[in-house]
N, C-alpha and C. Protein backbone atom coordinates (compact mmCIF):
# COMPACT_ATOMS: atom_id res chain seq x y z
N MET A 1 -0.34 26.14 -32.99
CA MET A 1 -1.62 25.66 -32.51
C MET A 1 -1.53 24.20 -32.07
N LYS A 2 -0.84 23.38 -32.88
CA LYS A 2 -0.69 21.96 -32.53
C LYS A 2 0.03 21.81 -31.19
N THR A 3 1.00 22.66 -30.95
CA THR A 3 1.76 22.58 -29.70
C THR A 3 0.85 22.83 -28.50
N ILE A 4 -0.03 23.80 -28.61
CA ILE A 4 -0.95 24.10 -27.52
C ILE A 4 -1.88 22.92 -27.27
N VAL A 5 -2.37 22.31 -28.33
CA VAL A 5 -3.26 21.15 -28.19
C VAL A 5 -2.51 20.01 -27.51
N HIS A 6 -1.28 19.77 -27.93
CA HIS A 6 -0.48 18.70 -27.32
C HIS A 6 -0.24 18.96 -25.83
N ILE A 7 0.03 20.20 -25.50
CA ILE A 7 0.25 20.56 -24.09
C ILE A 7 -1.02 20.34 -23.28
N LEU A 8 -2.15 20.77 -23.82
CA LEU A 8 -3.42 20.59 -23.12
C LEU A 8 -3.76 19.12 -22.94
N VAL A 9 -3.54 18.31 -23.96
CA VAL A 9 -3.82 16.87 -23.86
C VAL A 9 -2.90 16.23 -22.82
N ALA A 10 -1.62 16.57 -22.85
CA ALA A 10 -0.67 16.01 -21.88
C ALA A 10 -1.03 16.41 -20.46
N THR A 11 -1.41 17.68 -20.28
CA THR A 11 -1.81 18.16 -18.95
C THR A 11 -3.04 17.41 -18.45
N GLY A 12 -4.02 17.22 -19.33
CA GLY A 12 -5.22 16.48 -18.96
C GLY A 12 -4.91 15.05 -18.55
N CYS A 13 -4.01 14.41 -19.28
CA CYS A 13 -3.62 13.03 -18.93
C CYS A 13 -2.95 12.99 -17.56
N LEU A 14 -2.09 13.94 -17.29
CA LEU A 14 -1.43 13.97 -15.98
C LEU A 14 -2.43 14.20 -14.85
N LEU A 15 -3.38 15.08 -15.07
CA LEU A 15 -4.39 15.33 -14.05
C LEU A 15 -5.24 14.09 -13.80
N MET A 16 -5.60 13.40 -14.85
CA MET A 16 -6.40 12.18 -14.69
C MET A 16 -5.60 11.10 -13.98
N ALA A 17 -4.32 10.99 -14.28
CA ALA A 17 -3.48 9.99 -13.61
C ALA A 17 -3.38 10.29 -12.12
N GLY A 18 -3.26 11.56 -11.77
CA GLY A 18 -3.21 11.94 -10.36
C GLY A 18 -4.51 11.63 -9.64
N GLN A 19 -5.64 11.84 -10.29
CA GLN A 19 -6.92 11.52 -9.69
C GLN A 19 -7.08 10.02 -9.53
N ALA A 20 -6.62 9.24 -10.50
CA ALA A 20 -6.71 7.77 -10.40
C ALA A 20 -5.90 7.27 -9.22
N ALA A 21 -4.70 7.85 -9.02
CA ALA A 21 -3.87 7.44 -7.89
C ALA A 21 -4.56 7.74 -6.57
N ALA A 22 -5.22 8.91 -6.49
CA ALA A 22 -5.92 9.28 -5.26
C ALA A 22 -7.07 8.33 -5.00
N VAL A 23 -7.79 7.95 -6.03
CA VAL A 23 -8.90 7.00 -5.86
C VAL A 23 -8.35 5.65 -5.41
N ASP A 24 -7.26 5.20 -5.99
CA ASP A 24 -6.68 3.93 -5.59
C ASP A 24 -6.26 3.95 -4.12
N ALA A 25 -5.71 5.07 -3.66
CA ALA A 25 -5.31 5.19 -2.26
C ALA A 25 -6.53 5.09 -1.35
N LYS A 26 -7.61 5.72 -1.74
CA LYS A 26 -8.82 5.65 -0.93
C LYS A 26 -9.37 4.23 -0.90
N VAL A 27 -9.36 3.57 -2.05
CA VAL A 27 -9.84 2.19 -2.12
C VAL A 27 -8.95 1.29 -1.27
N ALA A 28 -7.64 1.45 -1.40
CA ALA A 28 -6.71 0.61 -0.65
C ALA A 28 -6.84 0.84 0.85
N GLU A 29 -6.96 2.09 1.26
CA GLU A 29 -7.12 2.38 2.69
C GLU A 29 -8.43 1.80 3.21
N SER A 30 -9.47 1.87 2.40
CA SER A 30 -10.75 1.27 2.77
C SER A 30 -10.63 -0.24 2.92
N LEU A 31 -9.90 -0.88 2.00
CA LEU A 31 -9.67 -2.32 2.10
C LEU A 31 -8.86 -2.67 3.35
N ALA A 32 -7.86 -1.84 3.66
CA ALA A 32 -7.06 -2.08 4.86
C ALA A 32 -7.93 -1.98 6.11
N GLN A 33 -8.84 -1.02 6.12
CA GLN A 33 -9.76 -0.87 7.25
C GLN A 33 -10.70 -2.07 7.33
N LYS A 34 -11.30 -2.41 6.21
CA LYS A 34 -12.28 -3.50 6.15
C LYS A 34 -11.67 -4.84 6.57
N ASN A 35 -10.42 -5.06 6.23
CA ASN A 35 -9.77 -6.34 6.51
C ASN A 35 -8.99 -6.37 7.81
N GLY A 36 -9.13 -5.33 8.63
CA GLY A 36 -8.54 -5.35 9.96
C GLY A 36 -7.09 -4.92 10.06
N CYS A 37 -6.49 -4.50 8.97
CA CYS A 37 -5.09 -4.08 9.00
C CYS A 37 -4.88 -2.89 9.95
N LEU A 38 -5.86 -1.98 9.93
CA LEU A 38 -5.72 -0.75 10.72
C LEU A 38 -6.07 -0.94 12.18
N ALA A 39 -6.36 -2.18 12.58
CA ALA A 39 -6.53 -2.48 14.00
C ALA A 39 -5.16 -2.55 14.69
N CYS A 40 -4.15 -2.97 13.94
CA CYS A 40 -2.80 -3.12 14.50
C CYS A 40 -1.80 -2.12 13.93
N HIS A 41 -2.13 -1.51 12.82
CA HIS A 41 -1.23 -0.55 12.16
C HIS A 41 -1.97 0.76 11.96
N THR A 42 -1.24 1.87 12.06
CA THR A 42 -1.77 3.15 11.61
C THR A 42 -0.79 3.69 10.59
N ILE A 43 -1.17 4.74 9.91
CA ILE A 43 -0.29 5.28 8.88
C ILE A 43 0.95 5.92 9.50
N LYS A 44 0.79 6.66 10.59
CA LYS A 44 1.89 7.50 11.10
C LYS A 44 2.62 6.99 12.33
N GLN A 45 1.98 6.12 13.14
CA GLN A 45 2.66 5.72 14.37
C GLN A 45 2.48 4.24 14.67
N LYS A 46 3.46 3.69 15.37
CA LYS A 46 3.42 2.29 15.78
C LYS A 46 2.29 2.09 16.78
N VAL A 47 1.54 1.01 16.60
CA VAL A 47 0.51 0.62 17.57
C VAL A 47 0.94 -0.75 18.06
N ILE A 48 0.35 -1.80 17.55
CA ILE A 48 0.82 -3.16 17.81
C ILE A 48 1.89 -3.51 16.79
N GLY A 49 1.58 -3.20 15.54
CA GLY A 49 2.54 -3.39 14.46
C GLY A 49 3.15 -2.05 14.07
N PRO A 50 4.13 -2.07 13.20
CA PRO A 50 4.79 -0.82 12.81
C PRO A 50 3.85 0.11 12.04
N ALA A 51 4.19 1.39 12.05
CA ALA A 51 3.46 2.37 11.25
C ALA A 51 3.64 2.03 9.77
N LEU A 52 2.60 2.24 9.00
CA LEU A 52 2.67 1.92 7.58
C LEU A 52 3.73 2.77 6.87
N ARG A 53 3.91 4.02 7.31
CA ARG A 53 4.97 4.86 6.72
C ARG A 53 6.35 4.30 7.03
N ASP A 54 6.52 3.70 8.21
CA ASP A 54 7.82 3.09 8.54
C ASP A 54 8.09 1.88 7.66
N ILE A 55 7.04 1.12 7.37
CA ILE A 55 7.19 -0.03 6.47
C ILE A 55 7.61 0.47 5.09
N ALA A 56 6.92 1.51 4.60
CA ALA A 56 7.25 2.06 3.29
C ALA A 56 8.70 2.55 3.25
N ALA A 57 9.13 3.23 4.31
CA ALA A 57 10.49 3.76 4.35
C ALA A 57 11.52 2.64 4.36
N LYS A 58 11.24 1.58 5.09
CA LYS A 58 12.19 0.46 5.19
C LYS A 58 12.39 -0.23 3.85
N TYR A 59 11.32 -0.35 3.07
CA TYR A 59 11.40 -1.12 1.82
C TYR A 59 11.48 -0.25 0.58
N ARG A 60 11.50 1.07 0.73
CA ARG A 60 11.56 1.98 -0.41
C ARG A 60 12.81 1.69 -1.24
N GLY A 61 12.60 1.46 -2.53
CA GLY A 61 13.71 1.23 -3.44
C GLY A 61 14.25 -0.19 -3.44
N GLU A 62 13.73 -1.05 -2.59
CA GLU A 62 14.22 -2.43 -2.53
C GLU A 62 13.58 -3.26 -3.64
N ALA A 63 14.40 -3.89 -4.44
CA ALA A 63 13.89 -4.76 -5.50
C ALA A 63 13.11 -5.92 -4.87
N GLY A 64 11.94 -6.19 -5.39
CA GLY A 64 11.13 -7.30 -4.89
C GLY A 64 10.37 -7.01 -3.61
N ALA A 65 10.37 -5.76 -3.17
CA ALA A 65 9.70 -5.41 -1.91
C ALA A 65 8.21 -5.73 -1.95
N GLU A 66 7.56 -5.41 -3.05
CA GLU A 66 6.11 -5.65 -3.13
C GLU A 66 5.80 -7.14 -2.96
N ALA A 67 6.48 -7.99 -3.68
CA ALA A 67 6.24 -9.43 -3.58
C ALA A 67 6.56 -9.95 -2.17
N LYS A 68 7.64 -9.45 -1.58
CA LYS A 68 8.02 -9.86 -0.22
C LYS A 68 6.92 -9.50 0.78
N LEU A 69 6.43 -8.28 0.68
CA LEU A 69 5.41 -7.82 1.63
C LEU A 69 4.07 -8.51 1.39
N VAL A 70 3.72 -8.76 0.15
CA VAL A 70 2.49 -9.51 -0.14
C VAL A 70 2.57 -10.87 0.52
N GLY A 71 3.71 -11.54 0.39
CA GLY A 71 3.89 -12.84 1.03
C GLY A 71 3.80 -12.78 2.54
N ARG A 72 4.37 -11.75 3.13
CA ARG A 72 4.33 -11.60 4.59
C ARG A 72 2.92 -11.33 5.08
N VAL A 73 2.18 -10.49 4.35
CA VAL A 73 0.80 -10.21 4.76
C VAL A 73 -0.05 -11.46 4.60
N LYS A 74 0.14 -12.15 3.50
CA LYS A 74 -0.67 -13.34 3.21
C LYS A 74 -0.38 -14.48 4.19
N ASN A 75 0.89 -14.73 4.45
CA ASN A 75 1.29 -15.91 5.22
C ASN A 75 1.61 -15.62 6.69
N GLY A 76 1.72 -14.34 7.05
CA GLY A 76 2.11 -13.98 8.40
C GLY A 76 3.62 -13.88 8.51
N THR A 77 4.08 -13.30 9.59
CA THR A 77 5.52 -13.13 9.80
C THR A 77 5.78 -12.84 11.27
N SER A 78 7.03 -13.01 11.68
CA SER A 78 7.41 -12.65 13.04
C SER A 78 8.88 -12.29 13.07
N GLY A 79 9.24 -11.45 14.03
CA GLY A 79 10.63 -11.10 14.24
C GLY A 79 11.18 -9.99 13.37
N VAL A 80 10.43 -9.52 12.39
CA VAL A 80 10.94 -8.47 11.52
C VAL A 80 10.88 -7.11 12.21
N TRP A 81 9.80 -6.85 12.95
CA TRP A 81 9.59 -5.57 13.61
C TRP A 81 9.53 -5.71 15.13
N GLY A 82 9.91 -6.83 15.64
CA GLY A 82 9.85 -7.05 17.08
C GLY A 82 9.23 -8.39 17.38
N PRO A 83 8.93 -8.64 18.65
CA PRO A 83 8.49 -9.97 19.06
C PRO A 83 7.03 -10.31 18.76
N VAL A 84 6.20 -9.33 18.45
CA VAL A 84 4.78 -9.61 18.22
C VAL A 84 4.59 -10.11 16.79
N PRO A 85 4.11 -11.35 16.63
CA PRO A 85 3.92 -11.88 15.27
C PRO A 85 2.67 -11.31 14.61
N MET A 86 2.68 -11.30 13.28
CA MET A 86 1.48 -10.96 12.51
C MET A 86 0.98 -12.27 11.93
N GLY A 87 -0.23 -12.62 12.26
CA GLY A 87 -0.81 -13.85 11.76
C GLY A 87 -1.09 -13.79 10.27
N PRO A 88 -1.31 -14.94 9.65
CA PRO A 88 -1.61 -14.97 8.22
C PRO A 88 -2.98 -14.35 7.93
N ASN A 89 -3.09 -13.76 6.76
CA ASN A 89 -4.33 -13.11 6.34
C ASN A 89 -4.95 -13.81 5.13
N SER A 90 -4.63 -15.04 4.97
CA SER A 90 -5.19 -15.81 3.86
C SER A 90 -5.92 -16.98 4.47
N PRO A 91 -7.03 -17.38 4.05
CA PRO A 91 -7.74 -17.02 2.82
C PRO A 91 -8.78 -15.92 3.00
N GLN A 92 -8.90 -15.31 4.17
CA GLN A 92 -9.98 -14.34 4.38
C GLN A 92 -9.79 -13.04 3.59
N VAL A 93 -8.56 -12.71 3.19
CA VAL A 93 -8.32 -11.52 2.38
C VAL A 93 -7.89 -11.97 0.99
N LYS A 94 -8.57 -11.46 -0.02
CA LYS A 94 -8.26 -11.83 -1.40
C LYS A 94 -6.84 -11.40 -1.77
N ASP A 95 -6.17 -12.22 -2.57
CA ASP A 95 -4.81 -11.90 -3.00
C ASP A 95 -4.73 -10.53 -3.67
N GLU A 96 -5.71 -10.21 -4.52
CA GLU A 96 -5.66 -8.92 -5.23
C GLU A 96 -5.85 -7.75 -4.26
N ASP A 97 -6.60 -7.97 -3.17
CA ASP A 97 -6.75 -6.93 -2.15
C ASP A 97 -5.45 -6.73 -1.39
N ILE A 98 -4.78 -7.83 -1.05
CA ILE A 98 -3.49 -7.73 -0.37
C ILE A 98 -2.50 -6.96 -1.24
N LYS A 99 -2.47 -7.28 -2.51
CA LYS A 99 -1.54 -6.61 -3.43
C LYS A 99 -1.84 -5.11 -3.50
N LEU A 100 -3.09 -4.74 -3.60
CA LEU A 100 -3.45 -3.32 -3.66
C LEU A 100 -3.08 -2.60 -2.37
N ILE A 101 -3.32 -3.24 -1.24
CA ILE A 101 -2.97 -2.64 0.06
C ILE A 101 -1.46 -2.44 0.16
N VAL A 102 -0.69 -3.45 -0.23
CA VAL A 102 0.78 -3.35 -0.18
C VAL A 102 1.27 -2.26 -1.13
N GLN A 103 0.71 -2.18 -2.32
CA GLN A 103 1.11 -1.13 -3.25
C GLN A 103 0.86 0.25 -2.66
N TRP A 104 -0.29 0.41 -1.99
CA TRP A 104 -0.61 1.67 -1.33
C TRP A 104 0.39 1.97 -0.22
N ILE A 105 0.67 0.98 0.61
CA ILE A 105 1.62 1.19 1.72
C ILE A 105 2.95 1.68 1.17
N LEU A 106 3.42 1.09 0.09
CA LEU A 106 4.73 1.46 -0.46
C LEU A 106 4.75 2.87 -1.04
N THR A 107 3.58 3.50 -1.22
CA THR A 107 3.55 4.88 -1.70
C THR A 107 3.57 5.90 -0.57
N LEU A 108 3.43 5.44 0.67
CA LEU A 108 3.34 6.38 1.80
C LEU A 108 4.68 7.01 2.13
């Protein structure tokens, strides 16, 4: 009986964790839209900037990728994905919003 209870509790925790991740993705995508990220980027294809999935693929498994990308979004960057620079997004975008958006991008 204890084993069944443990299995049910573990299953419930996993289901709740999956729902929390889905909510975070929706919140992060909403923040990306609200802050203008999706004017130059889309999830699947290059527009002005690279596709968000391409960014995720390039940095997948790289140590320090999240901090690197947060810095690039916050301060701007050029030459990484071509000649079109990305301007800085600070101070108009909160640091915690940038971090959440970058975390979401890295899950794509």
